[in-house]
Protein backbone atom coordinates (compact mmCIF):
# COMPACT_ATOMS: atom_id res chain seq x y z
CA MET A 1 77.96 162.83 -48.98
CA LYS A 2 74.75 164.44 -48.44
CA ILE A 3 74.36 167.93 -47.34
CA SER A 4 71.69 170.52 -47.87
CA THR A 5 72.27 173.95 -49.22
CA THR A 6 71.11 175.69 -46.15
CA ARG A 7 73.33 173.64 -43.85
CA PHE A 8 76.39 174.08 -46.01
CA ILE A 9 75.86 177.96 -45.93
CA ILE A 10 75.39 177.99 -42.34
CA TYR A 11 78.47 175.96 -41.63
CA PHE A 12 80.54 178.18 -44.00
CA VAL A 13 79.34 181.54 -42.60
CA VAL A 14 79.97 180.19 -38.96
CA SER A 15 83.35 178.94 -39.86
CA ALA A 16 84.20 182.27 -41.49
CA LEU A 17 83.14 184.25 -38.60
CA VAL A 18 85.14 181.87 -36.14
CA PHE A 19 88.18 182.00 -38.42
CA GLN A 20 88.03 185.82 -38.53
CA PHE A 21 87.55 186.22 -34.69
CA VAL A 22 90.43 183.67 -33.91
CA SER A 23 92.89 185.07 -36.46
CA ASN A 24 92.27 188.67 -35.14
CA SER A 25 92.46 187.74 -31.72
CA LEU A 26 95.75 185.81 -32.18
CA LEU A 27 97.54 188.28 -34.49
CA GLY A 28 95.91 191.68 -33.57
CA LYS A 29 96.40 193.86 -30.68
CA GLU A 30 92.80 193.56 -29.53
CA VAL A 31 90.24 190.76 -29.32
CA ARG A 32 87.63 191.56 -31.79
CA LEU A 33 85.73 190.25 -34.69
CA PHE A 34 86.56 193.10 -36.96
CA PRO A 35 89.46 195.28 -36.17
CA MET A 36 88.71 198.79 -35.15
CA ASN A 37 91.59 200.60 -36.55
CA GLY A 38 90.89 199.28 -40.05
CA ASP A 39 93.90 197.00 -40.21
CA ILE A 40 92.29 193.89 -41.94
CA PHE A 41 95.52 192.04 -42.15
CA PRO A 42 96.83 192.10 -38.64
CA GLY A 43 100.35 190.65 -37.89
CA ALA A 44 101.72 191.28 -41.40
CA ALA A 45 104.15 193.79 -40.30
CA SER A 46 104.66 192.38 -36.82
CA PRO A 47 108.34 192.03 -35.54
CA ILE A 48 107.34 188.80 -33.93
CA THR A 49 108.34 186.05 -36.11
CA TRP A 50 105.56 183.53 -35.67
CA LYS A 51 102.92 186.36 -36.09
CA SER A 52 104.38 187.20 -39.51
CA ILE A 53 104.50 183.67 -40.61
CA VAL A 54 101.00 182.84 -39.65
CA SER A 55 99.80 186.13 -41.28
CA THR A 56 101.61 185.22 -44.48
CA ILE A 57 100.03 181.74 -44.53
CA ILE A 58 96.39 183.02 -43.82
CA PHE A 59 96.70 185.95 -46.01
CA PRO A 60 94.92 184.46 -49.11
CA ILE A 61 91.91 183.21 -47.13
CA LYS A 62 91.64 186.75 -45.34
CA TYR A 63 91.96 188.34 -48.80
CA ILE A 64 89.01 186.36 -50.23
CA LEU A 65 86.92 186.76 -47.15
CA LEU A 66 87.58 190.48 -46.21
CA ARG A 67 89.15 192.45 -49.20
CA PRO A 68 86.16 193.07 -51.43
CA LEU A 69 84.27 194.84 -48.50
CA SER A 70 87.37 196.38 -46.86
CA PHE A 71 86.03 199.94 -47.80
CA LEU A 72 83.55 199.29 -44.86
CA PHE A 73 86.32 199.59 -42.37
CA GLU A 74 86.94 203.11 -43.43
CA LEU A 75 83.57 204.35 -42.35
CA GLN A 76 83.62 206.74 -39.46
CA ASP A 77 81.09 205.09 -37.15
CA PRO A 78 79.09 202.45 -38.60
CA PRO A 79 76.26 200.90 -36.78
CA PRO A 80 77.54 197.67 -34.82
CA PRO A 81 75.51 195.18 -36.81
CA PHE A 82 76.09 196.71 -40.13
CA LEU A 83 79.58 195.20 -40.77
CA LEU A 84 78.41 191.77 -39.53
CA PHE A 85 75.36 191.94 -41.95
CA ALA A 86 77.36 193.01 -44.82
CA PHE A 87 79.99 190.30 -44.49
CA VAL A 88 77.35 187.58 -43.69
CA LEU A 89 75.61 188.56 -46.94
CA TYR A 90 78.98 188.49 -48.84
CA TRP A 91 80.08 185.18 -47.37
CA THR A 92 76.58 183.70 -48.12
CA ALA A 93 77.20 184.55 -51.79
CA ILE A 94 80.64 182.81 -51.66
CA ALA A 95 79.09 179.77 -49.96
CA PHE A 96 76.52 179.44 -52.72
CA VAL A 97 79.28 179.61 -55.38
CA ILE A 98 81.44 177.04 -53.49
CA TYR A 99 78.34 174.62 -53.09
CA TYR A 100 77.53 174.98 -56.83
CA LEU A 101 81.08 174.24 -57.71
CA LEU A 102 81.45 171.23 -55.36
CA ASN A 103 78.07 170.09 -56.51
CA LYS A 104 79.25 170.11 -60.20
CA ILE A 105 82.72 168.57 -59.44
CA PHE A 106 81.86 165.93 -57.08
CA GLY A 107 78.09 165.50 -57.59
CA LEU A 108 77.05 166.22 -53.90
CA LYS A 109 73.69 165.03 -53.17
CA LYS A 110 70.98 166.95 -51.33
CA ALA A 111 69.75 165.66 -48.01
């Protein structure tokens, strides 16, 4: 399997953004990329059973993708692109680490 570092990072960041948007849209009360009320794990305390189950299943993924920068949600009024840039930078670092580990384990070849 050949994939370049840049392509892997782009796919990873776009997938993380789509995952964040879809999970917040399905489990939250509003359709947003990042929840406005600071609830980074929507659906966890939901009385609706399926939302609670789905939230429990995706909790580890959301914990890794969002928890280290969760203090940014507590800012009073951050500029709109600030959260996006911060998370894209963090997810890029995660993608580099995952790419390096996959390269070491499976010997991925660059395109």
